[in-house]
Structures are given as structure tokens and as C-alpha cells.
Amino acid sequence: YSLEKCCDPLYSSDPVSMVDAIPALINTI
């Protein structure tokens, strides 16, 4: 569930915007 918030940009953003979400996603994993 803690990962869910970080994954939202993967489903709703364009590839360029997704890049900003990667650090938080990696840290959560």
C-alpha cells in the first residue's frame, strides 16, 4: 500500500513526467 502512491504516476503520466516519480518509487521499494 505504501508503494501505491508512488506508482500512480506510472499509470497516469506521460513517460517524461514518470521520471520524476522514479526516485520515490525506488526508495519505497
ModelCIF file with pLDDT and N, C-alpha, C, O atoms, coordinates in Angstrom:
data_MODEL
#
_entry.id   MODEL 
#
_entity.id                         1 
_entity.type                       polymer 
_entity.pdbx_number_of_molecules   1 
#
_entity_poly.entity_id                      1 
_entity_poly.type                           'polypeptide(L)' 
_entity_poly.nstd_linkage                   no 
_entity_poly.nstd_monomer                   no 
_entity_poly.pdbx_seq_one_letter_code       YSLEKCCDPLYSSDPVSMVDAIPALINTI 
_entity_poly.pdbx_seq_one_letter_code_can   YSLEKCCDPLYSSDPVSMVDAIPALINTI 
_entity_poly.pdbx_strand_id                 A 
#
loop_
_entity_poly_seq.entity_id 
_entity_poly_seq.num 
_entity_poly_seq.mon_id 
_entity_poly_seq.hetero 
1 1  TYR n 
1 2  SER n 
1 3  LEU n 
1 4  GLU n 
1 5  LYS n 
1 6  CYS n 
1 7  CYS n 
1 8  ASP n 
1 9  PRO n 
1 10 LEU n 
1 11 TYR n 
1 12 SER n 
1 13 SER n 
1 14 ASP n 
1 15 PRO n 
1 16 VAL n 
1 17 SER n 
1 18 MET n 
1 19 VAL n 
1 20 ASP n 
1 21 ALA n 
1 22 ILE n 
1 23 PRO n 
1 24 ALA n 
1 25 LEU n 
1 26 ILE n 
1 27 ASN n 
1 28 THR n 
1 29 ILE n 
#
_struct_asym.id          A 
_struct_asym.entity_id   1 
#
loop_
_ma_qa_metric.id 
_ma_qa_metric.mode 
_ma_qa_metric.name 
_ma_qa_metric.software_group_id 
_ma_qa_metric.type 
1 global pLDDT . pLDDT 
2 local  pLDDT . pLDDT 
#
_ma_qa_metric_global.metric_id      1 
_ma_qa_metric_global.metric_value   88.17 
_ma_qa_metric_global.model_id       1 
_ma_qa_metric_global.ordinal_id     1 
#
loop_
_ma_qa_metric_local.label_asym_id 
_ma_qa_metric_local.label_comp_id 
_ma_qa_metric_local.label_seq_id 
_ma_qa_metric_local.metric_id 
_ma_qa_metric_local.metric_value 
_ma_qa_metric_local.model_id 
_ma_qa_metric_local.ordinal_id 
A TYR 1  2 91.00 1 1  
A SER 2  2 89.00 1 2  
A LEU 3  2 88.00 1 3  
A GLU 4  2 85.00 1 4  
A LYS 5  2 84.00 1 5  
A CYS 6  2 86.00 1 6  
A CYS 7  2 87.00 1 7  
A ASP 8  2 86.00 1 8  
A PRO 9  2 86.00 1 9  
A LEU 10 2 85.00 1 10 
A TYR 11 2 87.00 1 11 
A SER 12 2 87.00 1 12 
A SER 13 2 85.00 1 13 
A ASP 14 2 87.00 1 14 
A PRO 15 2 86.00 1 15 
A VAL 16 2 87.00 1 16 
A SER 17 2 85.00 1 17 
A MET 18 2 86.00 1 18 
A VAL 19 2 88.00 1 19 
A ASP 20 2 88.00 1 20 
A ALA 21 2 88.00 1 21 
A ILE 22 2 89.00 1 22 
A PRO 23 2 92.00 1 23 
A ALA 24 2 91.00 1 24 
A LEU 25 2 91.00 1 25 
A ILE 26 2 93.00 1 26 
A ASN 27 2 94.00 1 27 
A THR 28 2 93.00 1 28 
A ILE 29 2 93.00 1 29 
#
loop_
_atom_site.group_PDB 
_atom_site.id 
_atom_site.type_symbol 
_atom_site.label_atom_id 
_atom_site.label_alt_id 
_atom_site.label_comp_id 
_atom_site.label_asym_id 
_atom_site.label_entity_id 
_atom_site.label_seq_id 
_atom_site.pdbx_PDB_ins_code 
_atom_site.Cartn_x 
_atom_site.Cartn_y 
_atom_site.Cartn_z 
_atom_site.occupancy 
_atom_site.B_iso_or_equiv 
_atom_site.pdbx_formal_charge 
_atom_site.auth_seq_id 
_atom_site.auth_comp_id 
_atom_site.auth_asym_id 
_atom_site.auth_atom_id 
_atom_site.pdbx_PDB_model_num 
ATOM 1   N N  . TYR A 1 1  ? 0.832  -1.202 0.000   1.00 91.00 ? 1  TYR A N  1 
ATOM 2   C CA . TYR A 1 1  ? 0.000  0.000  0.000   1.00 91.00 ? 1  TYR A CA 1 
ATOM 3   C C  . TYR A 1 1  ? 0.867  1.252  0.000   1.00 91.00 ? 1  TYR A C  1 
ATOM 4   O O  . TYR A 1 1  ? 0.498  2.257  -0.608  1.00 91.00 ? 1  TYR A O  1 
ATOM 5   N N  . SER A 1 2  ? 2.001  1.208  0.665   1.00 89.00 ? 2  SER A N  1 
ATOM 6   C CA . SER A 1 2  ? 2.894  2.373  0.676   1.00 89.00 ? 2  SER A CA 1 
ATOM 7   C C  . SER A 1 2  ? 3.454  2.643  -0.718  1.00 89.00 ? 2  SER A C  1 
ATOM 8   O O  . SER A 1 2  ? 3.829  3.771  -1.037  1.00 89.00 ? 2  SER A O  1 
ATOM 9   N N  . LEU A 1 3  ? 3.508  1.617  -1.531  1.00 88.00 ? 3  LEU A N  1 
ATOM 10  C CA . LEU A 1 3  ? 4.019  1.744  -2.892  1.00 88.00 ? 3  LEU A CA 1 
ATOM 11  C C  . LEU A 1 3  ? 2.968  2.329  -3.845  1.00 88.00 ? 3  LEU A C  1 
ATOM 12  O O  . LEU A 1 3  ? 3.311  2.903  -4.879  1.00 88.00 ? 3  LEU A O  1 
ATOM 13  N N  . GLU A 1 4  ? 1.705  2.179  -3.493  1.00 85.00 ? 4  GLU A N  1 
ATOM 14  C CA . GLU A 1 4  ? 0.618  2.575  -4.389  1.00 85.00 ? 4  GLU A CA 1 
ATOM 15  C C  . GLU A 1 4  ? 0.698  4.048  -4.791  1.00 85.00 ? 4  GLU A C  1 
ATOM 16  O O  . GLU A 1 4  ? 0.527  4.374  -5.966  1.00 85.00 ? 4  GLU A O  1 
ATOM 17  N N  . LYS A 1 5  ? 0.953  4.930  -3.846  1.00 84.00 ? 5  LYS A N  1 
ATOM 18  C CA . LYS A 1 5  ? 1.028  6.367  -4.123  1.00 84.00 ? 5  LYS A CA 1 
ATOM 19  C C  . LYS A 1 5  ? 2.156  6.678  -5.105  1.00 84.00 ? 5  LYS A C  1 
ATOM 20  O O  . LYS A 1 5  ? 2.010  7.524  -5.987  1.00 84.00 ? 5  LYS A O  1 
ATOM 21  N N  . CYS A 1 6  ? 3.265  5.991  -4.943  1.00 86.00 ? 6  CYS A N  1 
ATOM 22  C CA . CYS A 1 6  ? 4.418  6.223  -5.817  1.00 86.00 ? 6  CYS A CA 1 
ATOM 23  C C  . CYS A 1 6  ? 4.179  5.700  -7.228  1.00 86.00 ? 6  CYS A C  1 
ATOM 24  O O  . CYS A 1 6  ? 4.784  6.182  -8.186  1.00 86.00 ? 6  CYS A O  1 
ATOM 25  N N  . CYS A 1 7  ? 3.297  4.714  -7.354  1.00 87.00 ? 7  CYS A N  1 
ATOM 26  C CA . CYS A 1 7  ? 3.047  4.090  -8.654  1.00 87.00 ? 7  CYS A CA 1 
ATOM 27  C C  . CYS A 1 7  ? 2.014  4.834  -9.481  1.00 87.00 ? 7  CYS A C  1 
ATOM 28  O O  . CYS A 1 7  ? 1.934  4.624  -10.692 1.00 87.00 ? 7  CYS A O  1 
ATOM 29  N N  . ASP A 1 8  ? 1.229  5.691  -8.865  1.00 86.00 ? 8  ASP A N  1 
ATOM 30  C CA . ASP A 1 8  ? 0.188  6.407  -9.606  1.00 86.00 ? 8  ASP A CA 1 
ATOM 31  C C  . ASP A 1 8  ? 0.721  7.120  -10.854 1.00 86.00 ? 8  ASP A C  1 
ATOM 32  O O  . ASP A 1 8  ? 0.080  7.050  -11.903 1.00 86.00 ? 8  ASP A O  1 
ATOM 33  N N  . PRO A 1 9  ? 1.875  7.807  -10.779 1.00 86.00 ? 9  PRO A N  1 
ATOM 34  C CA . PRO A 1 9  ? 2.391  8.452  -11.998 1.00 86.00 ? 9  PRO A CA 1 
ATOM 35  C C  . PRO A 1 9  ? 2.703  7.467  -13.134 1.00 86.00 ? 9  PRO A C  1 
ATOM 36  O O  . PRO A 1 9  ? 2.665  7.849  -14.304 1.00 86.00 ? 9  PRO A O  1 
ATOM 37  N N  . LEU A 1 10 ? 3.007  6.221  -12.807 1.00 85.00 ? 10 LEU A N  1 
ATOM 38  C CA . LEU A 1 10 ? 3.283  5.237  -13.856 1.00 85.00 ? 10 LEU A CA 1 
ATOM 39  C C  . LEU A 1 10 ? 2.033  4.941  -14.675 1.00 85.00 ? 10 LEU A C  1 
ATOM 40  O O  . LEU A 1 10 ? 2.119  4.594  -15.853 1.00 85.00 ? 10 LEU A O  1 
ATOM 41  N N  . TYR A 1 11 ? 0.890  5.079  -14.050 1.00 87.00 ? 11 TYR A N  1 
ATOM 42  C CA . TYR A 1 11 ? -0.376 4.792  -14.724 1.00 87.00 ? 11 TYR A CA 1 
ATOM 43  C C  . TYR A 1 11 ? -1.019 6.032  -15.343 1.00 87.00 ? 11 TYR A C  1 
ATOM 44  O O  . TYR A 1 11 ? -1.796 5.921  -16.291 1.00 87.00 ? 11 TYR A O  1 
ATOM 45  N N  . SER A 1 12 ? -0.697 7.215  -14.808 1.00 87.00 ? 12 SER A N  1 
ATOM 46  C CA . SER A 1 12 ? -1.433 8.409  -15.233 1.00 87.00 ? 12 SER A CA 1 
ATOM 47  C C  . SER A 1 12 ? -0.588 9.484  -15.906 1.00 87.00 ? 12 SER A C  1 
ATOM 48  O O  . SER A 1 12 ? -1.129 10.497 -16.347 1.00 87.00 ? 12 SER A O  1 
ATOM 49  N N  . SER A 1 13 ? 0.715  9.289  -15.993 1.00 85.00 ? 13 SER A N  1 
ATOM 50  C CA . SER A 1 13 ? 1.584  10.329 -16.545 1.00 85.00 ? 13 SER A CA 1 
ATOM 51  C C  . SER A 1 13 ? 2.175  9.903  -17.881 1.00 85.00 ? 13 SER A C  1 
ATOM 52  O O  . SER A 1 13 ? 2.127  8.736  -18.271 1.00 85.00 ? 13 SER A O  1 
ATOM 53  N N  . ASP A 1 14 ? 2.724  10.875 -18.553 1.00 87.00 ? 14 ASP A N  1 
ATOM 54  C CA . ASP A 1 14 ? 3.470  10.582 -19.772 1.00 87.00 ? 14 ASP A CA 1 
ATOM 55  C C  . ASP A 1 14 ? 4.885  10.137 -19.377 1.00 87.00 ? 14 ASP A C  1 
ATOM 56  O O  . ASP A 1 14 ? 5.304  10.371 -18.243 1.00 87.00 ? 14 ASP A O  1 
ATOM 57  N N  . PRO A 1 15 ? 5.619  9.507  -20.283 1.00 86.00 ? 15 PRO A N  1 
ATOM 58  C CA . PRO A 1 15 ? 6.957  8.984  -19.920 1.00 86.00 ? 15 PRO A CA 1 
ATOM 59  C C  . PRO A 1 15 ? 7.904  10.034 -19.352 1.00 86.00 ? 15 PRO A C  1 
ATOM 60  O O  . PRO A 1 15 ? 8.701  9.713  -18.469 1.00 86.00 ? 15 PRO A O  1 
ATOM 61  N N  . VAL A 1 16 ? 7.846  11.266 -19.822 1.00 87.00 ? 16 VAL A N  1 
ATOM 62  C CA . VAL A 1 16 ? 8.739  12.309 -19.309 1.00 87.00 ? 16 VAL A CA 1 
ATOM 63  C C  . VAL A 1 16 ? 8.399  12.628 -17.855 1.00 87.00 ? 16 VAL A C  1 
ATOM 64  O O  . VAL A 1 16 ? 9.299  12.795 -17.032 1.00 87.00 ? 16 VAL A O  1 
ATOM 65  N N  . SER A 1 17 ? 7.123  12.713 -17.537 1.00 85.00 ? 17 SER A N  1 
ATOM 66  C CA . SER A 1 17 ? 6.703  13.021 -16.165 1.00 85.00 ? 17 SER A CA 1 
ATOM 67  C C  . SER A 1 17 ? 6.972  11.864 -15.208 1.00 85.00 ? 17 SER A C  1 
ATOM 68  O O  . SER A 1 17 ? 7.172  12.068 -14.011 1.00 85.00 ? 17 SER A O  1 
ATOM 69  N N  . MET A 1 18 ? 6.974  10.663 -15.746 1.00 86.00 ? 18 MET A N  1 
ATOM 70  C CA . MET A 1 18 ? 7.232  9.480  -14.908 1.00 86.00 ? 18 MET A CA 1 
ATOM 71  C C  . MET A 1 18 ? 8.611  9.524  -14.273 1.00 86.00 ? 18 MET A C  1 
ATOM 72  O O  . MET A 1 18 ? 8.806  9.014  -13.169 1.00 86.00 ? 18 MET A O  1 
ATOM 73  N N  . VAL A 1 19 ? 9.557  10.122 -14.954 1.00 88.00 ? 19 VAL A N  1 
ATOM 74  C CA . VAL A 1 19 ? 10.937 10.165 -14.476 1.00 88.00 ? 19 VAL A CA 1 
ATOM 75  C C  . VAL A 1 19 ? 11.018 10.790 -13.086 1.00 88.00 ? 19 VAL A C  1 
ATOM 76  O O  . VAL A 1 19 ? 11.826 10.362 -12.261 1.00 88.00 ? 19 VAL A O  1 
ATOM 77  N N  . ASP A 1 20 ? 10.196 11.788 -12.824 1.00 88.00 ? 20 ASP A N  1 
ATOM 78  C CA . ASP A 1 20 ? 10.220 12.457 -11.520 1.00 88.00 ? 20 ASP A CA 1 
ATOM 79  C C  . ASP A 1 20 ? 9.762  11.532 -10.391 1.00 88.00 ? 20 ASP A C  1 
ATOM 80  O O  . ASP A 1 20 ? 10.141 11.728 -9.236  1.00 88.00 ? 20 ASP A O  1 
ATOM 81  N N  . ALA A 1 21 ? 8.958  10.537 -10.718 1.00 88.00 ? 21 ALA A N  1 
ATOM 82  C CA . ALA A 1 21 ? 8.423  9.632  -9.697  1.00 88.00 ? 21 ALA A CA 1 
ATOM 83  C C  . ALA A 1 21 ? 9.382  8.480  -9.377  1.00 88.00 ? 21 ALA A C  1 
ATOM 84  O O  . ALA A 1 21 ? 9.205  7.798  -8.368  1.00 88.00 ? 21 ALA A O  1 
ATOM 85  N N  . ILE A 1 22 ? 10.371 8.262  -10.205 1.00 89.00 ? 22 ILE A N  1 
ATOM 86  C CA . ILE A 1 22 ? 11.258 7.102  -10.044 1.00 89.00 ? 22 ILE A CA 1 
ATOM 87  C C  . ILE A 1 22 ? 12.030 7.103  -8.725  1.00 89.00 ? 22 ILE A C  1 
ATOM 88  O O  . ILE A 1 22 ? 12.068 6.061  -8.070  1.00 89.00 ? 22 ILE A O  1 
ATOM 89  N N  . PRO A 1 23 ? 12.647 8.205  -8.296  1.00 92.00 ? 23 PRO A N  1 
ATOM 90  C CA . PRO A 1 23 ? 13.386 8.158  -7.020  1.00 92.00 ? 23 PRO A CA 1 
ATOM 91  C C  . PRO A 1 23 ? 12.526 7.758  -5.823  1.00 92.00 ? 23 PRO A C  1 
ATOM 92  O O  . PRO A 1 23 ? 12.954 6.950  -5.000  1.00 92.00 ? 23 PRO A O  1 
ATOM 93  N N  . ALA A 1 24 ? 11.322 8.313  -5.718  1.00 91.00 ? 24 ALA A N  1 
ATOM 94  C CA . ALA A 1 24 ? 10.442 7.949  -4.607  1.00 91.00 ? 24 ALA A CA 1 
ATOM 95  C C  . ALA A 1 24 ? 10.039 6.484  -4.705  1.00 91.00 ? 24 ALA A C  1 
ATOM 96  O O  . ALA A 1 24 ? 9.943  5.795  -3.689  1.00 91.00 ? 24 ALA A O  1 
ATOM 97  N N  . LEU A 1 25 ? 9.808  6.015  -5.902  1.00 91.00 ? 25 LEU A N  1 
ATOM 98  C CA . LEU A 1 25 ? 9.439  4.624  -6.122  1.00 91.00 ? 25 LEU A CA 1 
ATOM 99  C C  . LEU A 1 25 ? 10.566 3.684  -5.701  1.00 91.00 ? 25 LEU A C  1 
ATOM 100 O O  . LEU A 1 25 ? 10.327 2.690  -5.015  1.00 91.00 ? 25 LEU A O  1 
ATOM 101 N N  . ILE A 1 26 ? 11.774 3.996  -6.105  1.00 93.00 ? 26 ILE A N  1 
ATOM 102 C CA . ILE A 1 26 ? 12.936 3.177  -5.738  1.00 93.00 ? 26 ILE A CA 1 
ATOM 103 C C  . ILE A 1 26 ? 13.150 3.199  -4.224  1.00 93.00 ? 26 ILE A C  1 
ATOM 104 O O  . ILE A 1 26 ? 13.426 2.160  -3.624  1.00 93.00 ? 26 ILE A O  1 
ATOM 105 N N  . ASN A 1 27 ? 13.026 4.354  -3.613  1.00 94.00 ? 27 ASN A N  1 
ATOM 106 C CA . ASN A 1 27 ? 13.195 4.453  -2.156  1.00 94.00 ? 27 ASN A CA 1 
ATOM 107 C C  . ASN A 1 27 ? 12.134 3.650  -1.415  1.00 94.00 ? 27 ASN A C  1 
ATOM 108 O O  . ASN A 1 27 ? 12.429 3.031  -0.393  1.00 94.00 ? 27 ASN A O  1 
ATOM 109 N N  . THR A 1 28 ? 10.914 3.653  -1.915  1.00 93.00 ? 28 THR A N  1 
ATOM 110 C CA . THR A 1 28 ? 9.845  2.886  -1.273  1.00 93.00 ? 28 THR A CA 1 
ATOM 111 C C  . THR A 1 28 ? 10.116 1.387  -1.394  1.00 93.00 ? 28 THR A C  1 
ATOM 112 O O  . THR A 1 28 ? 9.922  0.638  -0.437  1.00 93.00 ? 28 THR A O  1 
ATOM 113 N N  . ILE A 1 29 ? 10.560 0.956  -2.560  1.00 93.00 ? 29 ILE A N  1 
ATOM 114 C CA . ILE A 1 29 ? 10.903 -0.467 -2.732  1.00 93.00 ? 29 ILE A CA 1 
ATOM 115 C C  . ILE A 1 29 ? 12.076 -0.844 -1.829  1.00 93.00 ? 29 ILE A C  1 
ATOM 116 O O  . ILE A 1 29 ? 12.511 -1.995 -1.829  1.00 93.00 ? 29 ILE A O  1 
#
